[in-house]
C-alpha atoms as a PDB file:
ATOM      1  CA  MET A   1       0.000   0.000   0.000  1.00  0.00           C
ATOM      2  CA  ASN A   2       1.087   3.448  -0.845  1.00  0.00           C
ATOM      3  CA  PHE A   3       0.437   5.942   1.928  1.00  0.00           C
ATOM      4  CA  ARG A   4       2.154   8.892   0.417  1.00  0.00           C
ATOM      5  CA  PRO A   5      -0.030  11.910  -0.136  1.00  0.00           C
ATOM      6  CA  ARG A   6      -0.745  12.754  -3.727  1.00  0.00           C
ATOM      7  CA  ARG A   7       0.237  16.090  -5.058  1.00  0.00           C
ATOM      8  CA  ALA A   8      -2.524  18.137  -6.657  1.00  0.00           C
ATOM      9  CA  GLU A   9      -1.733  19.014 -10.207  1.00  0.00           C
ATOM     10  CA  SER A  10      -2.475  22.584 -11.161  1.00  0.00           C
ATOM     11  CA  VAL A  11      -4.848  23.037 -14.057  1.00  0.00           C
ATOM     12  CA  ASP A  12      -3.758  25.701 -16.518  1.00  0.00           C
ATOM     13  CA  ILE A  13      -5.758  26.990 -19.451  1.00  0.00           C
ATOM     14  CA  ASN A  14      -3.604  27.797 -22.396  1.00  0.00           C
ATOM     15  CA  LEU A  15      -4.916  30.992 -24.022  1.00  0.00           C
ATOM     16  CA  THR A  16      -2.541  30.991 -26.964  1.00  0.00           C
ATOM     17  CA  PRO A  17      -4.726  28.864 -29.290  1.00  0.00           C
ATOM     18  CA  LEU A  18      -7.778  30.927 -28.350  1.00  0.00           C
ATOM     19  CA  ILE A  19      -5.994  34.179 -29.185  1.00  0.00           C
ATOM     20  CA  ASP A  20      -4.790  32.683 -32.463  1.00  0.00           C
ATOM     21  CA  VAL A  21      -8.338  31.720 -33.465  1.00  0.00           C
ATOM     22  CA  VAL A  22      -9.728  35.154 -32.591  1.00  0.00           C
ATOM     23  CA  PHE A  23      -6.906  36.821 -34.507  1.00  0.00           C
ATOM     24  CA  LEU A  24      -7.576  34.642 -37.579  1.00  0.00           C
ATOM     25  CA  LEU A  25     -11.315  35.482 -37.430  1.00  0.00           C
ATOM     26  CA  LEU A  26     -10.490  39.168 -37.224  1.00  0.00           C
ATOM     27  CA  ILE A  27      -8.232  38.948 -40.260  1.00  0.00           C
ATOM     28  CA  PHE A  28     -10.874  36.949 -42.160  1.00  0.00           C
ATOM     29  CA  PHE A  29     -13.606  39.554 -41.551  1.00  0.00           C
ATOM     30  CA  MET A  30     -11.267  42.429 -42.396  1.00  0.00           C
ATOM     31  CA  VAL A  31     -10.276  40.847 -45.699  1.00  0.00           C
ATOM     32  CA  THR A  32     -13.791  39.843 -46.778  1.00  0.00           C
ATOM     33  CA  THR A  33     -15.462  43.152 -45.907  1.00  0.00           C
ATOM     34  CA  THR A  34     -16.360  45.260 -48.909  1.00  0.00           C
ATOM     35  CA  PHE A  35     -16.136  48.973 -48.691  1.00  0.00           C
ATOM     36  CA  ASP A  36     -18.450  51.224 -50.632  1.00  0.00           C
ATOM     37  CA  ARG A  37     -16.429  53.378 -52.937  1.00  0.00           C
ATOM     38  CA  SER A  38     -18.733  55.851 -54.549  1.00  0.00           C
ATOM     39  CA  SER A  39     -17.360  58.055 -57.225  1.00  0.00           C
ATOM     40  CA  GLU A  40     -18.896  61.391 -57.899  1.00  0.00           C
ATOM     41  CA  LEU A  41     -19.299  62.974 -61.264  1.00  0.00           C
ATOM     42  CA  LYS A  42     -19.343  66.696 -61.585  1.00  0.00           C
ATOM     43  CA  ILE A  43     -22.140  67.598 -63.943  1.00  0.00           C
ATOM     44  CA  ASN A  44     -23.161  71.072 -64.961  1.00  0.00           C
ATOM     45  CA  LEU A  45     -26.910  70.961 -65.448  1.00  0.00           C
ATOM     46  CA  PRO A  46     -28.567  73.260 -67.956  1.00  0.00           C
ATOM     47  CA  GLN A  47     -30.574  76.107 -66.542  1.00  0.00           C
ATOM     48  CA  ALA A  48     -34.111  77.060 -67.471  1.00  0.00           C
ATOM     49  CA  ALA A  49     -35.552  80.554 -67.464  1.00  0.00           C
ATOM     50  CA  GLN A  50     -38.906  79.459 -66.042  1.00  0.00           C
ATOM     51  CA  ALA A  51     -39.700  77.653 -62.851  1.00  0.00           C
ATOM     52  CA  PRO A  52     -41.356  74.261 -63.387  1.00  0.00           C
ATOM     53  CA  GLU A  53     -45.123  74.363 -63.278  1.00  0.00           C
ATOM     54  CA  GLU A  54     -46.872  72.432 -60.570  1.00  0.00           C
ATOM     55  CA  GLN A  55     -49.206  69.871 -62.003  1.00  0.00           C
ATOM     56  CA  GLN A  56     -52.804  70.072 -60.943  1.00  0.00           C
ATOM     57  CA  VAL A  57     -53.624  66.735 -59.380  1.00  0.00           C
ATOM     58  CA  GLU A  58     -57.004  65.646 -60.606  1.00  0.00           C
ATOM     59  CA  LYS A  59     -59.308  64.022 -58.115  1.00  0.00           C
ATOM     60  CA  LEU A  60     -62.972  63.414 -57.765  1.00  0.00           C
ATOM     61  CA  GLU A  61     -64.442  64.495 -54.456  1.00  0.00           C
ATOM     62  CA  LEU A  62     -67.791  62.896 -53.710  1.00  0.00           C
ATOM     63  CA  VAL A  63     -69.456  64.470 -50.677  1.00  0.00           C
ATOM     64  CA  ILE A  64     -72.480  62.836 -49.045  1.00  0.00           C
ATOM     65  CA  ASP A  65     -74.470  64.906 -46.570  1.00  0.00           C
ATOM     66  CA  ALA A  66     -76.462  63.651 -43.585  1.00  0.00           C
ATOM     67  CA  SER A  67     -79.636  63.121 -45.611  1.00  0.00           C
ATOM     68  CA  GLY A  68     -77.849  61.073 -48.305  1.00  0.00           C
ATOM     69  CA  ASN A  69     -77.572  63.730 -51.031  1.00  0.00           C
ATOM     70  CA  TYR A  70     -74.519  63.524 -53.298  1.00  0.00           C
ATOM     71  CA  PHE A  71     -72.207  66.372 -54.333  1.00  0.00           C
ATOM     72  CA  LEU A  72     -69.525  65.657 -56.934  1.00  0.00           C
ATOM     73  CA  ASN A  73     -66.733  68.241 -56.987  1.00  0.00           C
ATOM     74  CA  GLY A  74     -69.072  70.767 -55.383  1.00  0.00           C
ATOM     75  CA  ASN A  75     -72.028  70.188 -57.734  1.00  0.00           C
ATOM     76  CA  GLU A  76     -75.162  68.579 -56.318  1.00  0.00           C
ATOM     77  CA  LEU A  77     -76.495  65.570 -58.209  1.00  0.00           C
ATOM     78  CA  VAL A  78     -80.155  65.667 -59.249  1.00  0.00           C
ATOM     79  CA  ASN A  79     -81.112  62.540 -57.293  1.00  0.00           C
ATOM     80  CA  THR A  80     -79.643  59.770 -55.172  1.00  0.00           C
ATOM     81  CA  ARG A  81     -80.122  56.862 -57.573  1.00  0.00           C
ATOM     82  CA  PRO A  82     -77.036  54.715 -58.230  1.00  0.00           C
ATOM     83  CA  GLU A  83     -77.368  55.258 -61.991  1.00  0.00           C
ATOM     84  CA  THR A  84     -77.120  59.024 -61.511  1.00  0.00           C
ATOM     85  CA  VAL A  85     -74.031  58.712 -59.312  1.00  0.00           C
ATOM     86  CA  ARG A  86     -72.403  56.351 -61.815  1.00  0.00           C
ATOM     87  CA  ALA A  87     -73.196  58.639 -64.777  1.00  0.00           C
ATOM     88  CA  ALA A  88     -71.818  61.687 -62.949  1.00  0.00           C
ATOM     89  CA  LEU A  89     -68.607  59.856 -62.025  1.00  0.00           C
ATOM     90  CA  GLU A  90     -68.193  58.640 -65.587  1.00  0.00           C
ATOM     91  CA  GLN A  91     -68.715  62.138 -66.986  1.00  0.00           C
ATOM     92  CA  GLU A  92     -66.325  63.801 -64.522  1.00  0.00           C
ATOM     93  CA  SER A  93     -63.598  61.174 -64.939  1.00  0.00           C
ATOM     94  CA  ALA A  94     -63.728  61.572 -68.745  1.00  0.00           C
ATOM     95  CA  GLY A  95     -62.390  58.077 -69.319  1.00  0.00           C
ATOM     96  CA  HIS A  96     -59.418  58.397 -66.944  1.00  0.00           C
ATOM     97  CA  ARG A  97     -59.593  55.332 -64.696  1.00  0.00           C
ATOM     98  CA  ASP A  98     -56.610  56.233 -62.515  1.00  0.00           C
ATOM     99  CA  ILE A  99     -58.156  59.363 -60.968  1.00  0.00           C
ATOM    100  CA  PRO A 100     -58.513  59.017 -57.192  1.00  0.00           C
ATOM    101  CA  VAL A 101     -62.004  59.269 -55.717  1.00  0.00           C
ATOM    102  CA  ILE A 102     -62.315  60.789 -52.245  1.00  0.00           C
ATOM    103  CA  ILE A 103     -65.578  60.045 -50.476  1.00  0.00           C
ATOM    104  CA  ARG A 104     -66.458  62.535 -47.738  1.00  0.00           C
ATOM    105  CA  ALA A 105     -69.509  61.399 -45.819  1.00  0.00           C
ATOM    106  CA  ASP A 106     -71.202  63.057 -42.880  1.00  0.00           C
ATOM    107  CA  ALA A 107     -70.983  61.098 -39.633  1.00  0.00           C
ATOM    108  CA  SER A 108     -74.741  60.541 -39.683  1.00  0.00           C
ATOM    109  CA  THR A 109     -74.917  59.605 -43.373  1.00  0.00           C
ATOM    110  CA  PRO A 110     -76.733  56.326 -43.994  1.00  0.00           C
ATOM    111  CA  HIS A 111     -74.274  53.505 -44.603  1.00  0.00           C
ATOM    112  CA  GLN A 112     -76.125  52.549 -47.768  1.00  0.00           C
ATOM    113  CA  ALA A 113     -75.292  55.922 -49.357  1.00  0.00           C
ATOM    114  CA  VAL A 114     -71.556  55.307 -48.911  1.00  0.00           C
ATOM    115  CA  VAL A 115     -71.842  51.756 -50.254  1.00  0.00           C
ATOM    116  CA  THR A 116     -73.803  53.057 -53.254  1.00  0.00           C
ATOM    117  CA  ALA A 117     -71.073  55.620 -53.978  1.00  0.00           C
ATOM    118  CA  MET A 118     -68.326  53.004 -53.756  1.00  0.00           C
ATOM    119  CA  ASP A 119     -70.262  50.586 -55.951  1.00  0.00           C
ATOM    120  CA  ALA A 120     -70.902  53.283 -58.578  1.00  0.00           C
ATOM    121  CA  ALA A 121     -67.210  54.200 -58.667  1.00  0.00           C
ATOM    122  CA  GLN A 122     -66.237  50.558 -59.022  1.00  0.00           C
ATOM    123  CA  LYS A 123     -68.679  50.045 -61.906  1.00  0.00           C
ATOM    124  CA  VAL A 124     -67.163  53.028 -63.723  1.00  0.00           C
ATOM    125  CA  GLY A 125     -63.717  51.482 -63.262  1.00  0.00           C
ATOM    126  CA  LEU A 126     -62.379  53.874 -60.647  1.00  0.00           C
ATOM    127  CA  THR A 127     -60.446  51.746 -58.194  1.00  0.00           C
ATOM    128  CA  ARG A 128     -58.425  54.364 -56.324  1.00  0.00           C
ATOM    129  CA  MET A 129     -60.929  55.221 -53.592  1.00  0.00           C
ATOM    130  CA  SER A 130     -60.414  56.669 -50.157  1.00  0.00           C
ATOM    131  CA  ILE A 131     -62.770  57.755 -47.416  1.00  0.00           C
ATOM    132  CA  ALA A 132     -61.948  61.093 -45.837  1.00  0.00           C
ATOM    133  CA  THR A 133     -62.197  61.406 -42.087  1.00  0.00           C
ATOM    134  CA  THR A 134     -61.512  64.084 -39.515  1.00  0.00           C
ATOM    135  CA  ARG A 135     -59.488  63.657 -36.393  1.00  0.00           C
ATOM    136  CA  GLY A 136     -61.707  63.358 -33.344  1.00  0.00           C
ATOM    137  CA  ASP A 137     -60.562  64.877 -30.046  1.00  0.00           C
ATOM    138  CA  SER A 138     -60.903  62.282 -27.313  1.00  0.00           C
ATOM    139  CA  GLU A 139     -61.082  63.640 -23.800  1.00  0.00           C
END
């Protein structure tokens, strides 16, 4: 039997391989990184005597009051039938199908009047519709 006490061996962590790996990763990322090199051209643009004209953005504004009456671009329609709304939208759009239609309805307007307006615009081929709202102050 061996009764001699054992000596505890010290455990050392060798950091040299770890530093080598980190250094190699750093070099790899530095070499593979691309830098944006933008070149600028000096261009003398021609000058115009007039300022550019602002284009008038065409839009159709369909207002519906509380009783369900329609107003297209400020002009009241003769009645509230869907055929009348569709004919007025077709006449005002003059064949341009990309004109935006803004529907402004009173808060107490019957829901059917808004649906009728949207349906008439869709039948004419106007697909760019939006419903205008106002910001309510909540207290």
